[in-house]
């Protein structure tokens, strides 16, 4: 991970592997969540404003996403295509790992935020 000759996209699978090892193998969910959040921030997906605002932001984001989803016609969801963007697929996987680690760490607000962000990205860019 300390190599400088790799691009951000080439480093991302290695970083995801580290996050997976922290959460799944070493069972350090809180550390894995923090690592996932730092990777997401590094790649332009900042989830939370600040820790004290996590619960209100989670509820507001959930309501906003539900309204967006209700406005979409049913045919939109039936005809969704898979995304070909590698970075976006890695970000989606990283969000799902962050959601799992937030759940196992007991961080309900971050679990809701990561899940809602994953739904948002799926509605915007595809599966």
N, C-alpha and C. Protein backbone atom coordinates (compact mmCIF):
# COMPACT_ATOMS: atom_id res chain seq x y z
N UNK A 1 0.81 -1.21 0.00
CA UNK A 1 0.00 0.00 0.00
C UNK A 1 0.85 1.27 0.00
N UNK A 2 2.11 1.14 0.32
CA UNK A 2 2.98 2.31 0.39
C UNK A 2 3.64 2.63 -0.96
N UNK A 3 3.39 1.83 -1.98
CA UNK A 3 4.02 2.07 -3.28
C UNK A 3 3.43 3.32 -3.92
N UNK A 4 4.29 4.12 -4.51
CA UNK A 4 3.83 5.36 -5.13
C UNK A 4 3.66 5.23 -6.64
N UNK A 5 4.08 4.11 -7.22
CA UNK A 5 4.00 3.96 -8.67
C UNK A 5 2.66 3.41 -9.14
N UNK A 6 1.72 3.17 -8.23
CA UNK A 6 0.40 2.67 -8.59
C UNK A 6 -0.61 3.81 -8.63
N UNK A 7 -1.55 3.73 -9.55
CA UNK A 7 -2.61 4.73 -9.62
C UNK A 7 -3.64 4.46 -8.53
N UNK A 8 -4.54 5.42 -8.33
CA UNK A 8 -5.57 5.27 -7.29
C UNK A 8 -6.46 4.08 -7.59
N UNK A 9 -6.75 3.84 -8.87
CA UNK A 9 -7.61 2.73 -9.24
C UNK A 9 -6.91 1.38 -9.05
N UNK A 10 -5.59 1.36 -9.22
CA UNK A 10 -4.83 0.13 -8.99
C UNK A 10 -4.67 -0.16 -7.50
N UNK A 11 -4.62 0.88 -6.69
CA UNK A 11 -4.49 0.71 -5.23
C UNK A 11 -5.80 0.32 -4.56
N UNK A 12 -6.92 0.68 -5.17
CA UNK A 12 -8.22 0.47 -4.55
C UNK A 12 -8.50 -0.99 -4.19
N UNK A 13 -8.22 -1.97 -5.05
CA UNK A 13 -8.46 -3.37 -4.63
C UNK A 13 -7.61 -3.78 -3.42
N UNK A 14 -6.39 -3.29 -3.34
CA UNK A 14 -5.55 -3.61 -2.19
C UNK A 14 -6.09 -2.98 -0.92
N UNK A 15 -6.57 -1.74 -1.04
CA UNK A 15 -7.13 -1.05 0.12
C UNK A 15 -8.43 -1.74 0.57
N UNK A 16 -9.23 -2.18 -0.38
CA UNK A 16 -10.45 -2.90 -0.04
C UNK A 16 -10.10 -4.22 0.66
N UNK A 17 -9.05 -4.87 0.20
CA UNK A 17 -8.60 -6.09 0.85
C UNK A 17 -8.20 -5.86 2.29
N UNK A 18 -7.55 -4.73 2.54
CA UNK A 18 -7.16 -4.40 3.92
C UNK A 18 -8.41 -4.16 4.77
N UNK A 19 -9.38 -3.43 4.22
CA UNK A 19 -10.62 -3.17 4.95
C UNK A 19 -11.36 -4.47 5.24
N UNK A 20 -11.38 -5.37 4.25
CA UNK A 20 -12.03 -6.66 4.43
C UNK A 20 -11.33 -7.49 5.50
N UNK A 21 -10.00 -7.47 5.50
CA UNK A 21 -9.25 -8.21 6.50
C UNK A 21 -9.50 -7.66 7.90
N UNK A 22 -9.55 -6.35 8.03
CA UNK A 22 -9.81 -5.75 9.34
C UNK A 22 -11.18 -6.16 9.87
N UNK A 23 -12.19 -6.11 9.01
CA UNK A 23 -13.55 -6.39 9.47
C UNK A 23 -13.89 -7.85 9.55
N UNK A 24 -13.49 -8.64 8.54
CA UNK A 24 -13.92 -10.03 8.48
C UNK A 24 -12.97 -10.99 9.20
N UNK A 25 -11.67 -10.75 9.10
CA UNK A 25 -10.70 -11.68 9.67
C UNK A 25 -10.35 -11.31 11.10
N UNK A 26 -9.99 -10.06 11.30
CA UNK A 26 -9.55 -9.64 12.63
C UNK A 26 -10.70 -9.21 13.53
N UNK A 27 -11.90 -9.09 12.97
CA UNK A 27 -13.11 -8.73 13.70
C UNK A 27 -12.98 -7.40 14.46
N UNK A 28 -12.33 -6.45 13.82
CA UNK A 28 -12.21 -5.10 14.40
C UNK A 28 -13.09 -4.17 13.56
N UNK A 29 -14.39 -4.25 13.81
CA UNK A 29 -15.38 -3.57 12.98
C UNK A 29 -15.24 -2.06 13.02
N UNK A 30 -15.00 -1.51 14.19
CA UNK A 30 -14.90 -0.04 14.32
C UNK A 30 -13.70 0.48 13.52
N UNK A 31 -12.56 -0.20 13.63
CA UNK A 31 -11.38 0.21 12.85
C UNK A 31 -11.62 0.05 11.36
N UNK A 32 -12.26 -1.05 10.98
CA UNK A 32 -12.55 -1.30 9.57
C UNK A 32 -13.50 -0.23 9.02
N UNK A 33 -14.49 0.16 9.83
CA UNK A 33 -15.42 1.21 9.42
C UNK A 33 -14.68 2.53 9.22
N UNK A 34 -13.83 2.90 10.16
CA UNK A 34 -13.07 4.14 10.03
C UNK A 34 -12.17 4.11 8.82
N UNK A 35 -11.55 2.97 8.55
CA UNK A 35 -10.69 2.83 7.37
C UNK A 35 -11.51 2.96 6.08
N UNK A 36 -12.67 2.31 6.04
CA UNK A 36 -13.56 2.41 4.87
C UNK A 36 -14.00 3.86 4.65
N UNK A 37 -14.35 4.54 5.72
CA UNK A 37 -14.79 5.94 5.60
C UNK A 37 -13.65 6.83 5.12
N UNK A 38 -12.43 6.56 5.57
CA UNK A 38 -11.30 7.36 5.09
C UNK A 38 -11.03 7.09 3.61
N UNK A 39 -11.19 5.85 3.18
CA UNK A 39 -11.02 5.54 1.75
C UNK A 39 -12.11 6.20 0.91
N UNK A 40 -13.33 6.17 1.41
CA UNK A 40 -14.43 6.81 0.67
C UNK A 40 -14.20 8.31 0.56
N UNK A 41 -13.76 8.93 1.63
CA UNK A 41 -13.46 10.37 1.61
C UNK A 41 -12.34 10.67 0.63
N UNK A 42 -11.33 9.82 0.63
CA UNK A 42 -10.19 9.99 -0.27
C UNK A 42 -10.61 9.93 -1.74
N UNK A 43 -11.66 9.15 -2.02
CA UNK A 43 -12.13 8.99 -3.40
C UNK A 43 -13.36 9.84 -3.70
N UNK A 44 -13.65 10.82 -2.84
CA UNK A 44 -14.69 11.79 -3.13
C UNK A 44 -16.08 11.46 -2.65
N UNK A 45 -16.23 10.52 -1.74
CA UNK A 45 -17.54 10.15 -1.22
C UNK A 45 -17.58 10.37 0.29
N UNK A 46 -17.70 11.61 0.68
CA UNK A 46 -17.78 11.94 2.10
C UNK A 46 -19.20 11.70 2.58
N UNK A 47 -19.36 10.88 3.59
CA UNK A 47 -20.70 10.49 4.03
C UNK A 47 -21.28 11.40 5.10
N UNK A 48 -20.51 11.66 6.14
CA UNK A 48 -21.06 12.39 7.28
C UNK A 48 -20.43 13.77 7.38
N UNK A 49 -21.23 14.75 7.81
CA UNK A 49 -20.72 16.10 8.03
C UNK A 49 -19.73 16.09 9.18
N UNK A 50 -20.20 15.63 10.33
CA UNK A 50 -19.37 15.52 11.54
C UNK A 50 -20.05 14.49 12.44
N UNK A 51 -19.30 13.80 13.29
CA UNK A 51 -19.89 12.73 14.11
C UNK A 51 -21.14 13.11 14.90
N UNK A 52 -21.22 14.30 15.52
CA UNK A 52 -22.45 14.59 16.27
C UNK A 52 -23.68 14.74 15.38
N UNK A 53 -23.48 15.04 14.10
CA UNK A 53 -24.61 15.24 13.19
C UNK A 53 -25.00 13.96 12.46
N UNK A 54 -24.39 12.84 12.80
CA UNK A 54 -24.66 11.58 12.12
C UNK A 54 -26.12 11.15 12.16
N UNK A 55 -26.74 11.03 13.34
CA UNK A 55 -28.14 10.58 13.38
C UNK A 55 -29.12 11.50 12.63
N UNK A 56 -29.09 12.83 12.82
CA UNK A 56 -30.03 13.66 12.05
C UNK A 56 -29.75 13.60 10.54
N UNK A 57 -28.48 13.56 10.18
CA UNK A 57 -28.13 13.49 8.76
C UNK A 57 -28.61 12.16 8.16
N UNK A 58 -28.51 11.08 8.92
CA UNK A 58 -28.95 9.78 8.44
C UNK A 58 -30.45 9.78 8.16
N UNK A 59 -31.22 10.34 9.06
CA UNK A 59 -32.67 10.40 8.89
C UNK A 59 -33.02 11.29 7.70
N UNK A 60 -32.38 12.46 7.60
CA UNK A 60 -32.66 13.38 6.48
C UNK A 60 -32.29 12.74 5.15
N UNK A 61 -31.15 12.07 5.09
CA UNK A 61 -30.72 11.41 3.85
C UNK A 61 -31.68 10.29 3.47
N UNK A 62 -32.15 9.56 4.45
CA UNK A 62 -33.08 8.47 4.19
C UNK A 62 -34.39 9.01 3.61
N UNK A 63 -34.91 10.06 4.20
CA UNK A 63 -36.16 10.66 3.72
C UNK A 63 -35.97 11.20 2.30
N UNK A 64 -34.86 11.87 2.05
CA UNK A 64 -34.57 12.43 0.73
C UNK A 64 -34.48 11.32 -0.34
N UNK A 65 -33.82 10.24 0.00
CA UNK A 65 -33.66 9.13 -0.94
C UNK A 65 -35.00 8.43 -1.18
N UNK A 66 -35.80 8.28 -0.14
CA UNK A 66 -37.13 7.67 -0.32
C UNK A 66 -37.99 8.51 -1.25
N UNK A 67 -37.92 9.84 -1.11
CA UNK A 67 -38.69 10.71 -2.00
C UNK A 67 -38.23 10.58 -3.44
N UNK A 68 -36.89 10.50 -3.64
CA UNK A 68 -36.35 10.31 -4.99
C UNK A 68 -36.82 9.00 -5.60
N UNK A 69 -36.79 7.95 -4.79
CA UNK A 69 -37.18 6.63 -5.28
C UNK A 69 -38.67 6.58 -5.61
N UNK A 70 -39.50 7.26 -4.82
CA UNK A 70 -40.94 7.25 -5.07
C UNK A 70 -41.30 8.02 -6.34
N UNK A 71 -40.47 9.01 -6.72
CA UNK A 71 -40.73 9.78 -7.93
C UNK A 71 -40.41 9.02 -9.20
N UNK A 72 -39.54 8.02 -9.09
CA UNK A 72 -39.15 7.24 -10.26
C UNK A 72 -40.28 6.28 -10.65
N UNK A 73 -40.51 6.12 -11.95
CA UNK A 73 -41.53 5.14 -12.37
C UNK A 73 -41.01 3.71 -12.15
N UNK A 74 -41.92 2.77 -12.06
CA UNK A 74 -41.56 1.37 -11.84
C UNK A 74 -40.67 0.85 -12.96
N UNK A 75 -40.90 1.33 -14.18
CA UNK A 75 -40.11 0.87 -15.32
C UNK A 75 -38.63 1.23 -15.17
N UNK A 76 -38.34 2.32 -14.45
CA UNK A 76 -36.95 2.72 -14.21
C UNK A 76 -36.20 1.61 -13.48
N UNK A 77 -36.83 1.05 -12.47
CA UNK A 77 -36.17 0.02 -11.66
C UNK A 77 -36.10 -1.32 -12.40
N UNK A 78 -37.06 -1.57 -13.27
CA UNK A 78 -37.07 -2.82 -14.02
C UNK A 78 -36.04 -2.84 -15.14
N UNK A 79 -35.65 -1.66 -15.63
CA UNK A 79 -34.73 -1.60 -16.77
C UNK A 79 -33.33 -1.12 -16.38
N UNK A 80 -32.99 -1.16 -15.11
CA UNK A 80 -31.66 -0.71 -14.69
C UNK A 80 -30.59 -1.63 -15.26
N UNK A 81 -29.51 -1.05 -15.70
CA UNK A 81 -28.39 -1.81 -16.26
C UNK A 81 -27.23 -1.81 -15.27
N UNK A 82 -26.34 -2.76 -15.47
CA UNK A 82 -25.13 -2.84 -14.64
C UNK A 82 -24.16 -1.75 -15.06
N UNK A 83 -23.47 -1.19 -14.10
CA UNK A 83 -22.49 -0.14 -14.37
C UNK A 83 -21.19 -0.77 -14.87
N UNK A 84 -20.56 -0.13 -15.84
CA UNK A 84 -19.28 -0.60 -16.37
C UNK A 84 -18.10 0.13 -15.74
N UNK A 85 -18.37 1.13 -14.92
CA UNK A 85 -17.32 1.94 -14.32
C UNK A 85 -16.65 1.17 -13.18
N UNK A 86 -15.37 0.86 -13.35
CA UNK A 86 -14.65 0.08 -12.34
C UNK A 86 -14.58 0.79 -10.99
N UNK A 87 -14.27 2.09 -11.04
CA UNK A 87 -14.14 2.84 -9.78
C UNK A 87 -15.48 2.85 -9.04
N UNK A 88 -16.55 3.05 -9.77
CA UNK A 88 -17.87 3.08 -9.16
C UNK A 88 -18.23 1.72 -8.55
N UNK A 89 -17.84 0.64 -9.22
CA UNK A 89 -18.08 -0.69 -8.66
C UNK A 89 -17.29 -0.90 -7.38
N UNK A 90 -16.04 -0.43 -7.35
CA UNK A 90 -15.24 -0.53 -6.14
C UNK A 90 -15.84 0.31 -5.02
N UNK A 91 -16.31 1.51 -5.36
CA UNK A 91 -16.94 2.38 -4.36
C UNK A 91 -18.19 1.71 -3.79
N UNK A 92 -18.99 1.09 -4.66
CA UNK A 92 -20.18 0.38 -4.20
C UNK A 92 -19.82 -0.77 -3.26
N UNK A 93 -18.79 -1.51 -3.61
CA UNK A 93 -18.35 -2.61 -2.75
C UNK A 93 -17.83 -2.07 -1.42
N UNK A 94 -17.08 -0.97 -1.49
CA UNK A 94 -16.55 -0.36 -0.27
C UNK A 94 -17.69 0.16 0.62
N UNK A 95 -18.72 0.73 0.01
CA UNK A 95 -19.88 1.17 0.78
C UNK A 95 -20.59 -0.01 1.44
N UNK A 96 -20.69 -1.13 0.73
CA UNK A 96 -21.34 -2.29 1.33
C UNK A 96 -20.51 -2.84 2.49
N UNK A 97 -19.18 -2.82 2.37
CA UNK A 97 -18.32 -3.25 3.47
C UNK A 97 -18.44 -2.27 4.65
N UNK A 98 -18.51 -0.98 4.35
CA UNK A 98 -18.67 0.01 5.41
C UNK A 98 -20.01 -0.19 6.12
N UNK A 99 -21.05 -0.51 5.37
CA UNK A 99 -22.37 -0.76 5.97
C UNK A 99 -22.31 -1.98 6.90
N UNK A 100 -21.67 -3.04 6.44
CA UNK A 100 -21.54 -4.25 7.26
C UNK A 100 -20.75 -3.95 8.53
N UNK A 101 -19.64 -3.23 8.39
CA UNK A 101 -18.83 -2.91 9.56
C UNK A 101 -19.55 -1.96 10.51
N UNK A 102 -20.33 -1.02 9.97
CA UNK A 102 -21.11 -0.12 10.82
C UNK A 102 -22.16 -0.92 11.60
N UNK A 103 -22.78 -1.87 10.93
CA UNK A 103 -23.79 -2.70 11.60
C UNK A 103 -23.17 -3.52 12.73
N UNK A 104 -22.04 -4.18 12.43
CA UNK A 104 -21.42 -5.02 13.46
C UNK A 104 -20.77 -4.20 14.57
N UNK A 105 -20.41 -2.94 14.27
CA UNK A 105 -19.84 -2.06 15.30
C UNK A 105 -20.94 -1.39 16.12
N UNK A 106 -22.19 -1.52 15.70
CA UNK A 106 -23.29 -0.93 16.44
C UNK A 106 -23.52 0.54 16.14
N UNK A 107 -22.98 1.03 15.04
CA UNK A 107 -23.13 2.43 14.64
C UNK A 107 -24.33 2.55 13.69
N UNK A 108 -25.51 2.69 14.26
CA UNK A 108 -26.75 2.69 13.49
C UNK A 108 -26.81 3.83 12.48
N UNK A 109 -26.40 5.02 12.89
CA UNK A 109 -26.47 6.18 12.00
C UNK A 109 -25.57 5.98 10.77
N UNK A 110 -24.37 5.47 10.98
CA UNK A 110 -23.46 5.25 9.86
C UNK A 110 -23.94 4.10 8.98
N UNK A 111 -24.57 3.11 9.59
CA UNK A 111 -25.15 2.01 8.81
C UNK A 111 -26.22 2.56 7.87
N UNK A 112 -27.08 3.41 8.41
CA UNK A 112 -28.14 4.00 7.59
C UNK A 112 -27.56 4.91 6.51
N UNK A 113 -26.56 5.72 6.86
CA UNK A 113 -25.93 6.61 5.87
C UNK A 113 -25.28 5.83 4.73
N UNK A 114 -24.55 4.78 5.05
CA UNK A 114 -23.88 4.00 4.00
C UNK A 114 -24.89 3.29 3.12
N UNK A 115 -25.93 2.76 3.71
CA UNK A 115 -26.95 2.07 2.93
C UNK A 115 -27.69 3.04 2.01
N UNK A 116 -28.03 4.21 2.52
CA UNK A 116 -28.72 5.21 1.71
C UNK A 116 -27.83 5.71 0.59
N UNK A 117 -26.55 5.91 0.86
CA UNK A 117 -25.61 6.34 -0.19
C UNK A 117 -25.49 5.27 -1.28
N UNK A 118 -25.50 4.02 -0.87
CA UNK A 118 -25.44 2.92 -1.83
C UNK A 118 -26.69 2.90 -2.71
N UNK A 119 -27.84 3.14 -2.13
CA UNK A 119 -29.08 3.22 -2.90
C UNK A 119 -29.04 4.41 -3.84
N UNK A 120 -28.56 5.55 -3.35
CA UNK A 120 -28.43 6.76 -4.18
C UNK A 120 -27.56 6.51 -5.41
N UNK A 121 -26.40 5.91 -5.18
CA UNK A 121 -25.48 5.64 -6.29
C UNK A 121 -26.10 4.65 -7.27
N UNK A 122 -26.80 3.66 -6.75
CA UNK A 122 -27.45 2.68 -7.62
C UNK A 122 -28.53 3.33 -8.48
N UNK A 123 -29.32 4.22 -7.88
CA UNK A 123 -30.36 4.90 -8.67
C UNK A 123 -29.76 5.83 -9.71
N UNK A 124 -28.61 6.43 -9.40
CA UNK A 124 -28.01 7.39 -10.32
C UNK A 124 -27.21 6.74 -11.45
N UNK A 125 -26.44 5.70 -11.11
CA UNK A 125 -25.50 5.14 -12.10
C UNK A 125 -25.82 3.72 -12.54
N UNK A 126 -26.76 3.05 -11.89
CA UNK A 126 -27.06 1.67 -12.24
C UNK A 126 -26.54 0.71 -11.20
N UNK A 127 -26.85 -0.54 -11.42
CA UNK A 127 -26.51 -1.60 -10.46
C UNK A 127 -25.02 -1.86 -10.49
